[in-house]
Amino acid sequence: MKANNLIRIAIWTTFIAIILIITIPTAYKVVSISRSKATLINEKLITEKAKKCIYDGNCTSNKVTLKTLYDLEYIKNKIVNPYDKTLYSEDSYVIITKEGSTFYLK
């Protein structure tokens, strides 16, 4: 009777361990990919709005801050960092050049 119970406990423990070995890394990878995609989406949004601001003539410099985009209402909602759920600093900026854009978040 006791050997039977020990075998059952060992089987269930092994089963749970196998499930955890599979699910924990998978969940970590899914969350990591999701956060990196959310960051990329934020960067693309800010870059596109900065380019539009320069194209419309409302931004005179190639360096466009988030504050400028908020004030001119190119971005209506505050941008949230997907890693720690804090707002990006309004001093964060993007530099638009002919070769591409450089993004600096604070």
PDB file of N, CA and C in Angstrom:
ATOM      1  N   MET A   1       0.818  -1.199   0.000  1.00  0.00           N
ATOM      2  CA  MET A   1       0.000   0.000   0.000  1.00  0.00           C
ATOM      3  C   MET A   1       0.860   1.261   0.000  1.00  0.00           C
ATOM      4  N   LYS A   2       1.895   1.283   0.870  1.00  0.00           N
ATOM      5  CA  LYS A   2       2.753   2.463   0.931  1.00  0.00           C
ATOM      6  C   LYS A   2       3.576   2.612  -0.338  1.00  0.00           C
ATOM      7  N   ALA A   3       4.005   1.524  -0.925  1.00  0.00           N
ATOM      8  CA  ALA A   3       4.784   1.572  -2.158  1.00  0.00           C
ATOM      9  C   ALA A   3       3.923   2.098  -3.306  1.00  0.00           C
ATOM     10  N   ASN A   4       2.661   1.709  -3.304  1.00  0.00           N
ATOM     11  CA  ASN A   4       1.721   2.173  -4.313  1.00  0.00           C
ATOM     12  C   ASN A   4       1.547   3.692  -4.232  1.00  0.00           C
ATOM     13  N   ASN A   5       1.394   4.210  -3.035  1.00  0.00           N
ATOM     14  CA  ASN A   5       1.245   5.656  -2.850  1.00  0.00           C
ATOM     15  C   ASN A   5       2.517   6.397  -3.254  1.00  0.00           C
ATOM     16  N   LEU A   6       3.683   5.853  -2.930  1.00  0.00           N
ATOM     17  CA  LEU A   6       4.948   6.487  -3.308  1.00  0.00           C
ATOM     18  C   LEU A   6       5.115   6.536  -4.822  1.00  0.00           C
ATOM     19  N   ILE A   7       4.688   5.476  -5.483  1.00  0.00           N
ATOM     20  CA  ILE A   7       4.768   5.464  -6.947  1.00  0.00           C
ATOM     21  C   ILE A   7       3.840   6.513  -7.540  1.00  0.00           C
ATOM     22  N   ARG A   8       2.627   6.624  -7.017  1.00  0.00           N
ATOM     23  CA  ARG A   8       1.683   7.642  -7.499  1.00  0.00           C
ATOM     24  C   ARG A   8       2.235   9.048  -7.284  1.00  0.00           C
ATOM     25  N   ILE A   9       2.799   9.285  -6.109  1.00  0.00           N
ATOM     26  CA  ILE A   9       3.376  10.606  -5.817  1.00  0.00           C
ATOM     27  C   ILE A   9       4.532  10.893  -6.770  1.00  0.00           C
ATOM     28  N   ALA A  10       5.360   9.910  -7.026  1.00  0.00           N
ATOM     29  CA  ALA A  10       6.493  10.086  -7.933  1.00  0.00           C
ATOM     30  C   ALA A  10       6.019  10.369  -9.355  1.00  0.00           C
ATOM     31  N   ILE A  11       5.007   9.675  -9.799  1.00  0.00           N
ATOM     32  CA  ILE A  11       4.466   9.894 -11.152  1.00  0.00           C
ATOM     33  C   ILE A  11       3.875  11.298 -11.263  1.00  0.00           C
ATOM     34  N   TRP A  12       3.068  11.701 -10.298  1.00  0.00           N
ATOM     35  CA  TRP A  12       2.469  13.034 -10.338  1.00  0.00           C
ATOM     36  C   TRP A  12       3.526  14.139 -10.241  1.00  0.00           C
ATOM     37  N   THR A  13       4.521  13.946  -9.403  1.00  0.00           N
ATOM     38  CA  THR A  13       5.594  14.920  -9.279  1.00  0.00           C
ATOM     39  C   THR A  13       6.359  15.059 -10.595  1.00  0.00           C
ATOM     40  N   THR A  14       6.646  13.940 -11.233  1.00  0.00           N
ATOM     41  CA  THR A  14       7.325  13.957 -12.527  1.00  0.00           C
ATOM     42  C   THR A  14       6.466  14.645 -13.584  1.00  0.00           C
ATOM     43  N   PHE A  15       5.197  14.332 -13.591  1.00  0.00           N
ATOM     44  CA  PHE A  15       4.271  14.936 -14.547  1.00  0.00           C
ATOM     45  C   PHE A  15       4.214  16.453 -14.369  1.00  0.00           C
ATOM     46  N   ILE A  16       4.085  16.906 -13.146  1.00  0.00           N
ATOM     47  CA  ILE A  16       4.032  18.350 -12.868  1.00  0.00           C
ATOM     48  C   ILE A  16       5.356  19.011 -13.229  1.00  0.00           C
ATOM     49  N   ALA A  17       6.476  18.356 -12.928  1.00  0.00           N
ATOM     50  CA  ALA A  17       7.790  18.910 -13.252  1.00  0.00           C
ATOM     51  C   ALA A  17       7.960  19.067 -14.767  1.00  0.00           C
ATOM     52  N   ILE A  18       7.524  18.088 -15.526  1.00  0.00           N
ATOM     53  CA  ILE A  18       7.623  18.158 -16.991  1.00  0.00           C
ATOM     54  C   ILE A  18       6.777  19.308 -17.529  1.00  0.00           C
ATOM     55  N   ILE A  19       5.578  19.449 -17.013  1.00  0.00           N
ATOM     56  CA  ILE A  19       4.710  20.551 -17.455  1.00  0.00           C
ATOM     57  C   ILE A  19       5.350  21.898 -17.133  1.00  0.00           C
ATOM     58  N   LEU A  20       5.908  22.042 -15.943  1.00  0.00           N
ATOM     59  CA  LEU A  20       6.546  23.300 -15.566  1.00  0.00           C
ATOM     60  C   LEU A  20       7.786  23.580 -16.410  1.00  0.00           C
ATOM     61  N   ILE A  21       8.550  22.559 -16.728  1.00  0.00           N
ATOM     62  CA  ILE A  21       9.748  22.725 -17.552  1.00  0.00           C
ATOM     63  C   ILE A  21       9.376  23.229 -18.942  1.00  0.00           C
ATOM     64  N   ILE A  22       8.225  22.846 -19.428  1.00  0.00           N
ATOM     65  CA  ILE A  22       7.781  23.288 -20.752  1.00  0.00           C
ATOM     66  C   ILE A  22       7.113  24.659 -20.686  1.00  0.00           C
ATOM     67  N   THR A  23       6.234  24.890 -19.714  1.00  0.00           N
ATOM     68  CA  THR A  23       5.427  26.108 -19.711  1.00  0.00           C
ATOM     69  C   THR A  23       6.180  27.358 -19.261  1.00  0.00           C
ATOM     70  N   ILE A  24       7.076  27.255 -18.302  1.00  0.00           N
ATOM     71  CA  ILE A  24       7.755  28.454 -17.792  1.00  0.00           C
ATOM     72  C   ILE A  24       8.607  29.121 -18.872  1.00  0.00           C
ATOM     73  N   PRO A  25       9.492  28.400 -19.581  1.00  0.00           N
ATOM     74  CA  PRO A  25      10.259  29.070 -20.644  1.00  0.00           C
ATOM     75  C   PRO A  25       9.382  29.584 -21.788  1.00  0.00           C
ATOM     76  N   THR A  26       8.334  28.833 -22.107  1.00  0.00           N
ATOM     77  CA  THR A  26       7.435  29.261 -23.176  1.00  0.00           C
ATOM     78  C   THR A  26       6.722  30.554 -22.794  1.00  0.00           C
ATOM     79  N   ALA A  27       6.214  30.631 -21.593  1.00  0.00           N
ATOM     80  CA  ALA A  27       5.533  31.848 -21.138  1.00  0.00           C
ATOM     81  C   ALA A  27       6.506  33.019 -21.102  1.00  0.00           C
ATOM     82  N   TYR A  28       7.725  32.806 -20.646  1.00  0.00           N
ATOM     83  CA  TYR A  28       8.733  33.867 -20.610  1.00  0.00           C
ATOM     84  C   TYR A  28       9.020  34.381 -22.014  1.00  0.00           C
ATOM     85  N   LYS A  29       9.155  33.471 -22.965  1.00  0.00           N
ATOM     86  CA  LYS A  29       9.448  33.863 -24.341  1.00  0.00           C
ATOM     87  C   LYS A  29       8.286  34.653 -24.946  1.00  0.00           C
ATOM     88  N   VAL A  30       7.064  34.215 -24.701  1.00  0.00           N
ATOM     89  CA  VAL A  30       5.890  34.914 -25.230  1.00  0.00           C
ATOM     90  C   VAL A  30       5.801  36.327 -24.667  1.00  0.00           C
ATOM     91  N   VAL A  31       6.008  36.484 -23.376  1.00  0.00           N
ATOM     92  CA  VAL A  31       5.957  37.812 -22.745  1.00  0.00           C
ATOM     93  C   VAL A  31       7.080  38.693 -23.278  1.00  0.00           C
ATOM     94  N   SER A  32       8.264  38.135 -23.430  1.00  0.00           N
ATOM     95  CA  SER A  32       9.404  38.887 -23.933  1.00  0.00           C
ATOM     96  C   SER A  32       9.163  39.381 -25.360  1.00  0.00           C
ATOM     97  N   ILE A  33       8.660  38.512 -26.212  1.00  0.00           N
ATOM     98  CA  ILE A  33       8.361  38.895 -27.596  1.00  0.00           C
ATOM     99  C   ILE A  33       7.265  39.951 -27.633  1.00  0.00           C
ATOM    100  N   SER A  34       6.253  39.796 -26.806  1.00  0.00           N
ATOM    101  CA  SER A  34       5.160  40.759 -26.760  1.00  0.00           C
ATOM    102  C   SER A  34       5.658  42.143 -26.346  1.00  0.00           C
ATOM    103  N   ARG A  35       6.516  42.200 -25.340  1.00  0.00           N
ATOM    104  CA  ARG A  35       7.048  43.487 -24.891  1.00  0.00           C
ATOM    105  C   ARG A  35       7.932  44.133 -25.949  1.00  0.00           C
ATOM    106  N   SER A  36       8.747  43.337 -26.619  1.00  0.00           N
ATOM    107  CA  SER A  36       9.622  43.920 -27.640  1.00  0.00           C
ATOM    108  C   SER A  36       8.808  44.435 -28.828  1.00  0.00           C
ATOM    109  N   LYS A  37       7.730  43.740 -29.171  1.00  0.00           N
ATOM    110  CA  LYS A  37       6.857  44.227 -30.244  1.00  0.00           C
ATOM    111  C   LYS A  37       6.140  45.508 -29.829  1.00  0.00           C
ATOM    112  N   ALA A  38       5.712  45.583 -28.581  1.00  0.00           N
ATOM    113  CA  ALA A  38       5.052  46.797 -28.092  1.00  0.00           C
ATOM    114  C   ALA A  38       6.022  47.976 -28.105  1.00  0.00           C
ATOM    115  N   THR A  39       7.281  47.738 -27.755  1.00  0.00           N
ATOM    116  CA  THR A  39       8.287  48.795 -27.805  1.00  0.00           C
ATOM    117  C   THR A  39       8.504  49.254 -29.237  1.00  0.00           C
ATOM    118  N   LEU A  40       8.590  48.313 -30.158  1.00  0.00           N
ATOM    119  CA  LEU A  40       8.774  48.648 -31.567  1.00  0.00           C
ATOM    120  C   LEU A  40       7.591  49.450 -32.102  1.00  0.00           C
ATOM    121  N   ILE A  41       6.393  49.086 -31.701  1.00  0.00           N
ATOM    122  CA  ILE A  41       5.194  49.823 -32.130  1.00  0.00           C
ATOM    123  C   ILE A  41       5.239  51.256 -31.606  1.00  0.00           C
ATOM    124  N   ASN A  42       5.637  51.435 -30.344  1.00  0.00           N
ATOM    125  CA  ASN A  42       5.755  52.779 -29.774  1.00  0.00           C
ATOM    126  C   ASN A  42       6.771  53.611 -30.545  1.00  0.00           C
ATOM    127  N   GLU A  43       7.924  53.014 -30.842  1.00  0.00           N
ATOM    128  CA  GLU A  43       8.962  53.738 -31.562  1.00  0.00           C
ATOM    129  C   GLU A  43       8.503  54.123 -32.965  1.00  0.00           C
ATOM    130  N   LYS A  44       7.830  53.213 -33.649  1.00  0.00           N
ATOM    131  CA  LYS A  44       7.324  53.509 -34.992  1.00  0.00           C
ATOM    132  C   LYS A  44       6.269  54.606 -34.953  1.00  0.00           C
ATOM    133  N   LEU A  45       5.381  54.564 -33.967  1.00  0.00           N
ATOM    134  CA  LEU A  45       4.344  55.590 -33.834  1.00  0.00           C
ATOM    135  C   LEU A  45       4.976  56.965 -33.652  1.00  0.00           C
ATOM    136  N   ILE A  46       5.922  57.051 -32.729  1.00  0.00           N
ATOM    137  CA  ILE A  46       6.560  58.336 -32.445  1.00  0.00           C
ATOM    138  C   ILE A  46       7.336  58.827 -33.665  1.00  0.00           C
ATOM    139  N   THR A  47       8.061  57.927 -34.330  1.00  0.00           N
ATOM    140  CA  THR A  47       8.837  58.302 -35.511  1.00  0.00           C
ATOM    141  C   THR A  47       7.927  58.789 -36.633  1.00  0.00           C
ATOM    142  N   GLU A  48       6.841  58.075 -36.879  1.00  0.00           N
ATOM    143  CA  GLU A  48       5.911  58.480 -37.941  1.00  0.00           C
ATOM    144  C   GLU A  48       5.271  59.831 -37.639  1.00  0.00           C
ATOM    145  N   LYS A  49       4.881  60.043 -36.389  1.00  0.00           N
ATOM    146  CA  LYS A  49       4.268  61.325 -36.027  1.00  0.00           C
ATOM    147  C   LYS A  49       5.283  62.458 -36.116  1.00  0.00           C
ATOM    148  N   ALA A  50       6.546  62.194 -35.782  1.00  0.00           N
ATOM    149  CA  ALA A  50       7.587  63.216 -35.899  1.00  0.00           C
ATOM    150  C   ALA A  50       7.823  63.567 -37.364  1.00  0.00           C
ATOM    151  N   LYS A  51       7.852  62.567 -38.228  1.00  0.00           N
ATOM    152  CA  LYS A  51       8.012  62.820 -39.664  1.00  0.00           C
ATOM    153  C   LYS A  51       6.843  63.636 -40.202  1.00  0.00           C
ATOM    154  N   LYS A  52       5.642  63.306 -39.760  1.00  0.00           N
ATOM    155  CA  LYS A  52       4.454  64.057 -40.193  1.00  0.00           C
ATOM    156  C   LYS A  52       4.518  65.494 -39.712  1.00  0.00           C
ATOM    157  N   CYS A  53       4.973  65.692 -38.482  1.00  0.00           N
ATOM    158  CA  CYS A  53       5.093  67.044 -37.931  1.00  0.00           C
ATOM    159  C   CYS A  53       6.082  67.868 -38.748  1.00  0.00           C
ATOM    160  N   ILE A  54       7.215  67.274 -39.112  1.00  0.00           N
ATOM    161  CA  ILE A  54       8.207  67.975 -39.927  1.00  0.00           C
ATOM    162  C   ILE A  54       7.655  68.230 -41.316  1.00  0.00           C
ATOM    163  N   TYR A  55       6.992  67.250 -41.901  1.00  0.00           N
ATOM    164  CA  TYR A  55       6.427  67.389 -43.241  1.00  0.00           C
ATOM    165  C   TYR A  55       5.355  68.476 -43.281  1.00  0.00           C
ATOM    166  N   ASP A  56       4.534  68.560 -42.238  1.00  0.00           N
ATOM    167  CA  ASP A  56       3.489  69.586 -42.182  1.00  0.00           C
ATOM    168  C   ASP A  56       4.055  70.984 -41.925  1.00  0.00           C
ATOM    169  N   GLY A  57       5.304  71.065 -41.491  1.00  0.00           N
ATOM    170  CA  GLY A  57       5.920  72.361 -41.219  1.00  0.00           C
ATOM    171  C   GLY A  57       5.706  72.860 -39.804  1.00  0.00           C
ATOM    172  N   ASN A  58       5.090  72.068 -38.945  1.00  0.00           N
ATOM    173  CA  ASN A  58       4.860  72.481 -37.557  1.00  0.00           C
ATOM    174  C   ASN A  58       6.097  72.308 -36.690  1.00  0.00           C
ATOM    175  N   CYS A  59       6.985  71.409 -37.073  1.00  0.00           N
ATOM    176  CA  CYS A  59       8.244  71.196 -36.352  1.00  0.00           C
ATOM    177  C   CYS A  59       9.370  71.732 -37.233  1.00  0.00           C
ATOM    178  N   THR A  60      10.108  72.679 -36.705  1.00  0.00           N
ATOM    179  CA  THR A  60      11.132  73.338 -37.516  1.00  0.00           C
ATOM    180  C   THR A  60      12.482  72.636 -37.429  1.00  0.00           C
ATOM    181  N   SER A  61      12.698  71.847 -36.407  1.00  0.00           N
ATOM    182  CA  SER A  61      13.975  71.162 -36.213  1.00  0.00           C
ATOM    183  C   SER A  61      13.823  69.686 -36.544  1.00  0.00           C
ATOM    184  N   ASN A  62      14.940  69.036 -36.863  1.00  0.00           N
ATOM    185  CA  ASN A  62      14.914  67.593 -37.100  1.00  0.00           C
ATOM    186  C   ASN A  62      14.853  66.804 -35.797  1.00  0.00           C
ATOM    187  N   LYS A  63      15.051  67.483 -34.678  1.00  0.00           N
ATOM    188  CA  LYS A  63      14.951  66.865 -33.358  1.00  0.00           C
ATOM    189  C   LYS A  63      13.566  67.191 -32.795  1.00  0.00           C
ATOM    190  N   VAL A  64      12.734  66.162 -32.682  1.00  0.00           N
ATOM    191  CA  VAL A  64      11.352  66.354 -32.234  1.00  0.00           C
ATOM    192  C   VAL A  64      11.165  65.618 -30.911  1.00  0.00           C
ATOM    193  N   THR A  65      10.728  66.337 -29.883  1.00  0.00           N
ATOM    194  CA  THR A  65      10.510  65.724 -28.571  1.00  0.00           C
ATOM    195  C   THR A  65       9.072  65.224 -28.447  1.00  0.00           C
ATOM    196  N   LEU A  66       8.875  64.345 -27.493  1.00  0.00           N
ATOM    197  CA  LEU A  66       7.516  63.869 -27.225  1.00  0.00           C
ATOM    198  C   LEU A  66       6.626  65.014 -26.764  1.00  0.00           C
ATOM    199  N   LYS A  67       7.184  65.937 -25.995  1.00  0.00           N
ATOM    200  CA  LYS A  67       6.405  67.083 -25.521  1.00  0.00           C
ATOM    201  C   LYS A  67       5.847  67.864 -26.699  1.00  0.00           C
ATOM    202  N   THR A  68       6.678  68.076 -27.723  1.00  0.00           N
ATOM    203  CA  THR A  68       6.223  68.791 -28.916  1.00  0.00           C
ATOM    204  C   THR A  68       5.085  68.044 -29.592  1.00  0.00           C
ATOM    205  N   LEU A  69       5.215  66.737 -29.709  1.00  0.00           N
ATOM    206  CA  LEU A  69       4.169  65.946 -30.354  1.00  0.00           C
ATOM    207  C   LEU A  69       2.880  65.942 -29.537  1.00  0.00           C
ATOM    208  N   TYR A  70       3.020  65.939 -28.204  1.00  0.00           N
ATOM    209  CA  TYR A  70       1.831  66.036 -27.349  1.00  0.00           C
ATOM    210  C   TYR A  70       1.179  67.411 -27.483  1.00  0.00           C
ATOM    211  N   ASP A  71       1.989  68.473 -27.436  1.00  0.00           N
ATOM    212  CA  ASP A  71       1.459  69.832 -27.488  1.00  0.00           C
ATOM    213  C   ASP A  71       0.764  70.130 -28.817  1.00  0.00           C
ATOM    214  N   LEU A  72       1.335  69.635 -29.923  1.00  0.00           N
ATOM    215  CA  LEU A  72       0.736  69.867 -31.236  1.00  0.00           C
ATOM    216  C   LEU A  72      -0.335  68.835 -31.574  1.00  0.00           C
ATOM    217  N   GLU A  73      -0.617  67.956 -30.626  1.00  0.00           N
ATOM    218  CA  GLU A  73      -1.656  66.933 -30.731  1.00  0.00           C
ATOM    219  C   GLU A  73      -1.449  65.949 -31.883  1.00  0.00           C
ATOM    220  N   TYR A  74      -0.198  65.677 -32.205  1.00  0.00           N
ATOM    221  CA  TYR A  74       0.081  64.584 -33.135  1.00  0.00           C
ATOM    222  C   TYR A  74      -0.086  63.252 -32.420  1.00  0.00           C
ATOM    223  N   ILE A  75       0.214  63.242 -31.130  1.00  0.00           N
ATOM    224  CA  ILE A  75      -0.036  62.078 -30.287  1.00  0.00           C
ATOM    225  C   ILE A  75      -0.973  62.532 -29.186  1.00  0.00           C
ATOM    226  N   LYS A  76      -2.138  61.929 -29.110  1.00  0.00           N
ATOM    227  CA  LYS A  76      -3.158  62.378 -28.161  1.00  0.00           C
ATOM    228  C   LYS A  76      -3.022  61.702 -26.791  1.00  0.00           C
ATOM    229  N   ASN A  77      -2.633  60.437 -26.752  1.00  0.00           N
ATOM    230  CA  ASN A  77      -2.495  59.707 -25.489  1.00  0.00           C
ATOM    231  C   ASN A  77      -1.028  59.580 -25.119  1.00  0.00           C
ATOM    232  N   LYS A  78      -0.751  59.592 -23.837  1.00  0.00           N
ATOM    233  CA  LYS A  78       0.622  59.439 -23.364  1.00  0.00           C
ATOM    234  C   LYS A  78       1.130  58.040 -23.722  1.00  0.00           C
ATOM    235  N   ILE A  79       2.403  57.960 -24.078  1.00  0.00           N
ATOM    236  CA  ILE A  79       3.025  56.699 -24.464  1.00  0.00           C
ATOM    237  C   ILE A  79       3.556  55.995 -23.214  1.00  0.00           C
ATOM    238  N   VAL A  80       3.229  54.712 -23.057  1.00  0.00           N
ATOM    239  CA  VAL A  80       3.599  53.932 -21.880  1.00  0.00           C
ATOM    240  C   VAL A  80       4.693  52.934 -22.253  1.00  0.00           C
ATOM    241  N   ASN A  81       5.701  52.833 -21.394  1.00  0.00           N
ATOM    242  CA  ASN A  81       6.767  51.858 -21.564  1.00  0.00           C
ATOM    243  C   ASN A  81       6.200  50.470 -21.253  1.00  0.00           C
ATOM    244  N   PRO A  82       6.266  49.512 -22.189  1.00  0.00           N
ATOM    245  CA  PRO A  82       5.663  48.196 -21.947  1.00  0.00           C
ATOM    246  C   PRO A  82       6.408  47.356 -20.918  1.00  0.00           C
ATOM    247  N   TYR A  83       7.651  47.708 -20.591  1.00  0.00           N
ATOM    248  CA  TYR A  83       8.422  46.899 -19.639  1.00  0.00           C
ATOM    249  C   TYR A  83       8.074  47.196 -18.195  1.00  0.00           C
ATOM    250  N   ASP A  84       7.936  48.480 -17.847  1.00  0.00           N
ATOM    251  CA  ASP A  84       7.664  48.803 -16.446  1.00  0.00           C
ATOM    252  C   ASP A  84       6.392  49.625 -16.253  1.00  0.00           C
ATOM    253  N   LYS A  85       5.614  49.790 -17.315  1.00  0.00           N
ATOM    254  CA  LYS A  85       4.306  50.468 -17.279  1.00  0.00           C
ATOM    255  C   LYS A  85       4.395  51.912 -16.776  1.00  0.00           C
ATOM    256  N   THR A  86       5.518  52.581 -17.036  1.00  0.00           N
ATOM    257  CA  THR A  86       5.659  53.994 -16.713  1.00  0.00           C
ATOM    258  C   THR A  86       5.558  54.801 -17.998  1.00  0.00           C
ATOM    259  N   LEU A  87       5.253  56.074 -17.852  1.00  0.00           N
ATOM    260  CA  LEU A  87       5.181  56.945 -19.014  1.00  0.00           C
ATOM    261  C   LEU A  87       6.584  57.293 -19.478  1.00  0.00           C
ATOM    262  N   TYR A  88       6.750  57.383 -20.794  1.00  0.00           N
ATOM    263  CA  TYR A  88       8.015  57.858 -21.326  1.00  0.00           C
ATOM    264  C   TYR A  88       8.165  59.328 -20.969  1.00  0.00           C
ATOM    265  N   SER A  89       9.372  59.755 -20.723  1.00  0.00           N
ATOM    266  CA  SER A  89       9.642  61.147 -20.407  1.00  0.00           C
ATOM    267  C   SER A  89       9.300  62.029 -21.611  1.00  0.00           C
ATOM    268  N   GLU A  90       8.773  63.194 -21.333  1.00  0.00           N
ATOM    269  CA  GLU A  90       8.456  64.120 -22.421  1.00  0.00           C
ATOM    270  C   GLU A  90       9.718  64.698 -23.048  1.00  0.00           C
ATOM    271  N   ASP A  91      10.864  64.489 -22.405  1.00  0.00           N
ATOM    272  CA  ASP A  91      12.139  64.932 -22.965  1.00  0.00           C
ATOM    273  C   ASP A  91      12.701  63.934 -23.971  1.00  0.00           C
ATOM    274  N   SER A  92      12.071  62.773 -24.107  1.00  0.00           N
ATOM    275  CA  SER A  92      12.505  61.796 -25.103  1.00  0.00           C
ATOM    276  C   SER A  92      12.320  62.409 -26.482  1.00  0.00           C
ATOM    277  N   TYR A  93      13.217  62.064 -27.386  1.00  0.00           N
ATOM    278  CA  TYR A  93      13.144  62.685 -28.699  1.00  0.00           C
ATOM    279  C   TYR A  93      13.562  61.725 -29.791  1.00  0.00           C
ATOM    280  N   VAL A  94      13.240  62.133 -31.020  1.00  0.00           N
ATOM    281  CA  VAL A  94      13.634  61.403 -32.213  1.00  0.00           C
ATOM    282  C   VAL A  94      14.287  62.417 -33.155  1.00  0.00           C
ATOM    283  N   ILE A  95      15.369  61.992 -33.796  1.00  0.00           N
ATOM    284  CA  ILE A  95      16.049  62.836 -34.780  1.00  0.00           C
ATOM    285  C   ILE A  95      15.773  62.231 -36.152  1.00  0.00           C
ATOM    286  N   ILE A  96      15.178  63.021 -37.018  1.00  0.00           N
ATOM    287  CA  ILE A  96      14.816  62.571 -38.350  1.00  0.00           C
ATOM    288  C   ILE A  96      15.855  63.093 -39.337  1.00  0.00           C
ATOM    289  N   THR A  97      16.448  62.172 -40.105  1.00  0.00           N
ATOM    290  CA  THR A  97      17.391  62.545 -41.156  1.00  0.00           C
ATOM    291  C   THR A  97      16.981  61.856 -42.443  1.00  0.00           C
ATOM    292  N   LYS A  98      17.660  62.208 -43.528  1.00  0.00           N
ATOM    293  CA  LYS A  98      17.337  61.570 -44.803  1.00  0.00           C
ATOM    294  C   LYS A  98      17.687  60.084 -44.798  1.00  0.00           C
ATOM    295  N   GLU A  99      18.714  59.723 -44.025  1.00  0.00           N
ATOM    296  CA  GLU A  99      19.135  58.325 -43.976  1.00  0.00           C
ATOM    297  C   GLU A  99      18.214  57.466 -43.128  1.00  0.00           C
ATOM    298  N   GLY A 100      17.507  58.069 -42.232  1.00  0.00           N
ATOM    299  CA  GLY A 100      16.632  57.325 -41.339  1.00  0.00           C
ATOM    300  C   GLY A 100      16.361  58.132 -40.086  1.00  0.00           C
ATOM    301  N   SER A 101      15.992  57.468 -39.037  1.00  0.00           N
ATOM    302  CA  SER A 101      15.694  58.177 -37.793  1.00  0.00           C
ATOM    303  C   SER A 101      16.433  57.512 -36.653  1.00  0.00           C
ATOM    304  N   THR A 102      16.755  58.318 -35.649  1.00  0.00           N
ATOM    305  CA  THR A 102      17.403  57.838 -34.435  1.00  0.00           C
ATOM    306  C   THR A 102      16.498  58.182 -33.287  1.00  0.00           C
ATOM    307  N   PHE A 103      16.215  57.183 -32.463  1.00  0.00           N
ATOM    308  CA  PHE A 103      15.217  57.330 -31.414  1.00  0.00           C
ATOM    309  C   PHE A 103      15.905  57.291 -30.048  1.00  0.00           C
ATOM    310  N   TYR A 104      15.614  58.258 -29.195  1.00  0.00           N
ATOM    311  CA  TYR A 104      16.193  58.318 -27.851  1.00  0.00           C
ATOM    312  C   TYR A 104      15.076  58.408 -26.820  1.00  0.00           C
ATOM    313  N   LEU A 105      14.900  57.350 -26.071  1.00  0.00           N
ATOM    314  CA  LEU A 105      13.879  57.322 -25.025  1.00  0.00           C
ATOM    315  C   LEU A 105      14.537  57.563 -23.676  1.00  0.00           C
ATOM    316  N   LYS A 106      13.837  58.281 -22.831  1.00  0.00           N
ATOM    317  CA  LYS A 106      14.322  58.526 -21.471  1.00  0.00           C
ATOM    318  C   LYS A 106      13.301  58.031 -20.480  1.00  0.00           C
TER     319      LYS A 106
END
